Amino acid sequence: MATPRTLARLDTLIWSLIFGGLLVLVLGIASHDETAIGGWSLSVLGSVAALAGFVLIVVRSRLREDAEPGAQSTPSRTGDSPR
């Protein structure tokens, strides 16, 4: 269903969203004293990004990896069935 390359890219996206979202969330919390609207905006944006990363973990767990070419036995061209 999904190639190993696609799964690797999805893993990278997941962890980038989670860690980036948490970083932006912390920056938003830290900047609440200076600008209330900016702090809340960063907090909400970071929370949404981290939540998207957690949702993608569930999506990733339901994906199956395709078998590599040649991993399955195929019948020979002479018509013999594999034993």
N, C-alpha and C. Protein backbone atom coordinates (compact mmCIF):
# COMPACT_ATOMS: atom_id res chain seq x y z
N MET A 1 0.82 -1.19 0.00
CA MET A 1 0.00 0.00 0.00
C MET A 1 0.87 1.26 0.00
N ALA A 2 1.92 1.27 0.79
CA ALA A 2 2.81 2.43 0.83
C ALA A 2 4.25 1.94 0.69
N THR A 3 5.02 2.68 -0.06
CA THR A 3 6.41 2.30 -0.26
C THR A 3 7.23 2.70 0.97
N PRO A 4 8.38 2.07 1.16
CA PRO A 4 9.23 2.46 2.30
C PRO A 4 9.64 3.93 2.25
N ARG A 5 9.83 4.45 1.05
CA ARG A 5 10.21 5.87 0.93
C ARG A 5 9.08 6.79 1.40
N THR A 6 7.86 6.45 1.04
CA THR A 6 6.70 7.24 1.48
C THR A 6 6.54 7.19 3.00
N LEU A 7 6.74 6.01 3.56
CA LEU A 7 6.62 5.87 5.01
C LEU A 7 7.72 6.65 5.73
N ALA A 8 8.92 6.68 5.16
CA ALA A 8 10.01 7.45 5.76
C ALA A 8 9.70 8.94 5.72
N ARG A 9 9.14 9.41 4.62
CA ARG A 9 8.76 10.82 4.53
C ARG A 9 7.65 11.16 5.51
N LEU A 10 6.71 10.25 5.66
CA LEU A 10 5.62 10.47 6.62
C LEU A 10 6.15 10.52 8.04
N ASP A 11 7.10 9.64 8.36
CA ASP A 11 7.71 9.67 9.69
C ASP A 11 8.41 11.00 9.95
N THR A 12 9.12 11.50 8.95
CA THR A 12 9.80 12.78 9.08
C THR A 12 8.79 13.91 9.31
N LEU A 13 7.70 13.88 8.55
CA LEU A 13 6.66 14.90 8.70
C LEU A 13 6.02 14.84 10.08
N ILE A 14 5.76 13.62 10.56
CA ILE A 14 5.14 13.46 11.87
C ILE A 14 5.99 14.09 12.96
N TRP A 15 7.26 13.72 13.00
CA TRP A 15 8.11 14.23 14.09
C TRP A 15 8.40 15.71 13.94
N SER A 16 8.45 16.21 12.71
CA SER A 16 8.62 17.65 12.52
C SER A 16 7.42 18.42 13.04
N LEU A 17 6.22 17.90 12.76
CA LEU A 17 5.01 18.56 13.26
C LEU A 17 4.94 18.53 14.78
N ILE A 18 5.27 17.38 15.37
CA ILE A 18 5.18 17.28 16.82
C ILE A 18 6.18 18.20 17.51
N PHE A 19 7.45 18.08 17.16
CA PHE A 19 8.47 18.89 17.84
C PHE A 19 8.37 20.36 17.47
N GLY A 20 8.09 20.66 16.21
CA GLY A 20 7.90 22.05 15.82
C GLY A 20 6.69 22.67 16.48
N GLY A 21 5.61 21.91 16.56
CA GLY A 21 4.40 22.41 17.22
C GLY A 21 4.62 22.67 18.70
N LEU A 22 5.34 21.76 19.36
CA LEU A 22 5.61 21.98 20.78
C LEU A 22 6.53 23.17 21.00
N LEU A 23 7.48 23.37 20.10
CA LEU A 23 8.37 24.53 20.20
C LEU A 23 7.58 25.83 20.04
N VAL A 24 6.71 25.88 19.05
CA VAL A 24 5.91 27.08 18.83
C VAL A 24 4.94 27.30 19.99
N LEU A 25 4.41 26.21 20.55
CA LEU A 25 3.53 26.32 21.72
C LEU A 25 4.27 26.96 22.90
N VAL A 26 5.49 26.51 23.14
CA VAL A 26 6.28 27.07 24.25
C VAL A 26 6.62 28.54 23.97
N LEU A 27 6.96 28.86 22.74
CA LEU A 27 7.22 30.26 22.40
C LEU A 27 5.97 31.12 22.60
N GLY A 28 4.82 30.57 22.27
CA GLY A 28 3.57 31.31 22.48
C GLY A 28 3.30 31.54 23.94
N ILE A 29 3.54 30.52 24.76
CA ILE A 29 3.32 30.68 26.20
C ILE A 29 4.30 31.70 26.77
N ALA A 30 5.53 31.68 26.30
CA ALA A 30 6.54 32.61 26.80
C ALA A 30 6.26 34.05 26.38
N SER A 31 5.58 34.26 25.26
CA SER A 31 5.36 35.62 24.78
C SER A 31 3.98 36.17 25.17
N HIS A 32 3.25 35.49 26.02
CA HIS A 32 1.93 35.99 26.45
C HIS A 32 2.04 37.33 27.17
N ASP A 33 3.13 37.56 27.89
CA ASP A 33 3.25 38.82 28.63
C ASP A 33 3.50 40.01 27.70
N GLU A 34 4.24 39.78 26.63
CA GLU A 34 4.56 40.89 25.72
C GLU A 34 3.39 41.24 24.81
N THR A 35 2.88 40.26 24.10
CA THR A 35 1.74 40.47 23.21
C THR A 35 0.73 39.36 23.45
N ALA A 36 -0.40 39.73 23.97
CA ALA A 36 -1.41 38.72 24.30
C ALA A 36 -1.95 38.02 23.05
N ILE A 37 -2.26 38.78 22.02
CA ILE A 37 -2.81 38.20 20.80
C ILE A 37 -1.77 37.34 20.10
N GLY A 38 -0.55 37.82 20.03
CA GLY A 38 0.53 37.04 19.42
C GLY A 38 0.83 35.77 20.19
N GLY A 39 0.82 35.86 21.50
CA GLY A 39 1.07 34.68 22.33
C GLY A 39 0.00 33.63 22.16
N TRP A 40 -1.27 34.07 22.16
CA TRP A 40 -2.36 33.11 21.97
C TRP A 40 -2.32 32.52 20.57
N SER A 41 -1.99 33.34 19.59
CA SER A 41 -1.92 32.83 18.21
C SER A 41 -0.85 31.76 18.07
N LEU A 42 0.33 32.02 18.64
CA LEU A 42 1.40 31.03 18.58
C LEU A 42 1.03 29.77 19.36
N SER A 43 0.37 29.94 20.48
CA SER A 43 -0.03 28.78 21.29
C SER A 43 -1.03 27.91 20.53
N VAL A 44 -2.01 28.54 19.91
CA VAL A 44 -3.00 27.78 19.16
C VAL A 44 -2.37 27.11 17.94
N LEU A 45 -1.53 27.84 17.23
CA LEU A 45 -0.86 27.28 16.05
C LEU A 45 0.03 26.09 16.43
N GLY A 46 0.78 26.22 17.49
CA GLY A 46 1.63 25.13 17.95
C GLY A 46 0.82 23.93 18.40
N SER A 47 -0.28 24.17 19.08
CA SER A 47 -1.13 23.07 19.53
C SER A 47 -1.74 22.32 18.35
N VAL A 48 -2.18 23.06 17.35
CA VAL A 48 -2.76 22.42 16.16
C VAL A 48 -1.72 21.60 15.42
N ALA A 49 -0.51 22.10 15.29
CA ALA A 49 0.55 21.37 14.60
C ALA A 49 0.91 20.10 15.36
N ALA A 50 1.04 20.19 16.67
CA ALA A 50 1.36 19.00 17.47
C ALA A 50 0.22 17.99 17.41
N LEU A 51 -1.00 18.45 17.45
CA LEU A 51 -2.15 17.55 17.36
C LEU A 51 -2.19 16.87 15.99
N ALA A 52 -1.86 17.60 14.94
CA ALA A 52 -1.81 16.99 13.60
C ALA A 52 -0.74 15.89 13.55
N GLY A 53 0.38 16.12 14.21
CA GLY A 53 1.41 15.09 14.27
C GLY A 53 0.94 13.85 14.99
N PHE A 54 0.22 14.03 16.08
CA PHE A 54 -0.30 12.87 16.82
C PHE A 54 -1.35 12.11 16.01
N VAL A 55 -2.17 12.84 15.26
CA VAL A 55 -3.17 12.18 14.40
C VAL A 55 -2.47 11.39 13.30
N LEU A 56 -1.39 11.95 12.76
CA LEU A 56 -0.66 11.24 11.70
C LEU A 56 0.01 9.98 12.23
N ILE A 57 0.32 9.92 13.51
CA ILE A 57 0.85 8.68 14.08
C ILE A 57 -0.20 7.57 13.97
N VAL A 58 -1.45 7.91 14.23
CA VAL A 58 -2.52 6.92 14.10
C VAL A 58 -2.69 6.50 12.64
N VAL A 59 -2.63 7.48 11.74
CA VAL A 59 -2.73 7.17 10.31
C VAL A 59 -1.57 6.27 9.88
N ARG A 60 -0.37 6.58 10.34
CA ARG A 60 0.81 5.79 9.98
C ARG A 60 0.72 4.36 10.50
N SER A 61 0.12 4.18 11.66
CA SER A 61 0.02 2.84 12.24
C SER A 61 -0.93 1.95 11.44
N ARG A 62 -1.82 2.55 10.68
CA ARG A 62 -2.77 1.77 9.90
C ARG A 62 -2.29 1.49 8.47
N LEU A 63 -1.20 2.10 8.06
CA LEU A 63 -0.67 1.85 6.72
C LEU A 63 0.16 0.58 6.71
N ARG A 64 0.04 -0.17 5.63
CA ARG A 64 0.85 -1.37 5.48
C ARG A 64 1.95 -1.08 4.47
N GLU A 65 3.10 -1.69 4.69
CA GLU A 65 4.22 -1.52 3.79
C GLU A 65 4.11 -2.53 2.66
N ASP A 66 4.37 -2.09 1.42
CA ASP A 66 4.38 -2.99 0.27
C ASP A 66 5.53 -3.97 0.39
N ALA A 67 5.33 -5.16 -0.14
CA ALA A 67 6.42 -6.14 -0.20
C ALA A 67 7.41 -5.67 -1.26
N GLU A 68 8.68 -5.91 -0.99
CA GLU A 68 9.70 -5.52 -1.95
C GLU A 68 9.62 -6.42 -3.18
N PRO A 69 9.94 -5.88 -4.35
CA PRO A 69 9.92 -6.71 -5.55
C PRO A 69 10.90 -7.88 -5.40
N GLY A 70 10.44 -9.05 -5.77
CA GLY A 70 11.29 -10.23 -5.67
C GLY A 70 11.17 -10.94 -4.35
N ALA A 71 10.43 -10.39 -3.41
CA ALA A 71 10.29 -11.03 -2.11
C ALA A 71 9.30 -12.18 -2.17
N GLN A 72 8.41 -12.13 -3.15
CA GLN A 72 7.42 -13.19 -3.29
C GLN A 72 7.86 -14.14 -4.39
N SER A 73 7.53 -15.40 -4.24
CA SER A 73 7.87 -16.36 -5.29
C SER A 73 6.81 -16.29 -6.38
N THR A 74 7.26 -16.37 -7.61
CA THR A 74 6.35 -16.36 -8.74
C THR A 74 6.55 -17.64 -9.53
N PRO A 75 5.52 -18.11 -10.19
CA PRO A 75 5.68 -19.32 -11.00
C PRO A 75 6.65 -19.08 -12.15
N SER A 76 7.36 -20.12 -12.52
CA SER A 76 8.31 -19.97 -13.62
C SER A 76 7.56 -19.87 -14.94
N ARG A 77 8.23 -19.47 -15.98
CA ARG A 77 7.60 -19.26 -17.27
C ARG A 77 7.26 -20.56 -17.98
N THR A 78 7.81 -21.66 -17.53
CA THR A 78 7.53 -22.94 -18.19
C THR A 78 6.19 -23.52 -17.78
N GLY A 79 5.51 -22.89 -16.85
CA GLY A 79 4.21 -23.37 -16.43
C GLY A 79 4.27 -24.23 -15.19
N ASP A 80 5.46 -24.48 -14.65
CA ASP A 80 5.58 -25.27 -13.43
C ASP A 80 5.08 -24.45 -12.25
N SER A 81 4.39 -25.10 -11.35
CA SER A 81 3.94 -24.40 -10.15
C SER A 81 5.05 -24.41 -9.12
N PRO A 82 5.19 -23.36 -8.32
CA PRO A 82 6.24 -23.33 -7.30
C PRO A 82 5.98 -24.36 -6.21
N ARG A 83 7.02 -24.94 -5.72
CA ARG A 83 6.87 -25.98 -4.68
C ARG A 83 7.20 -25.44 -3.34
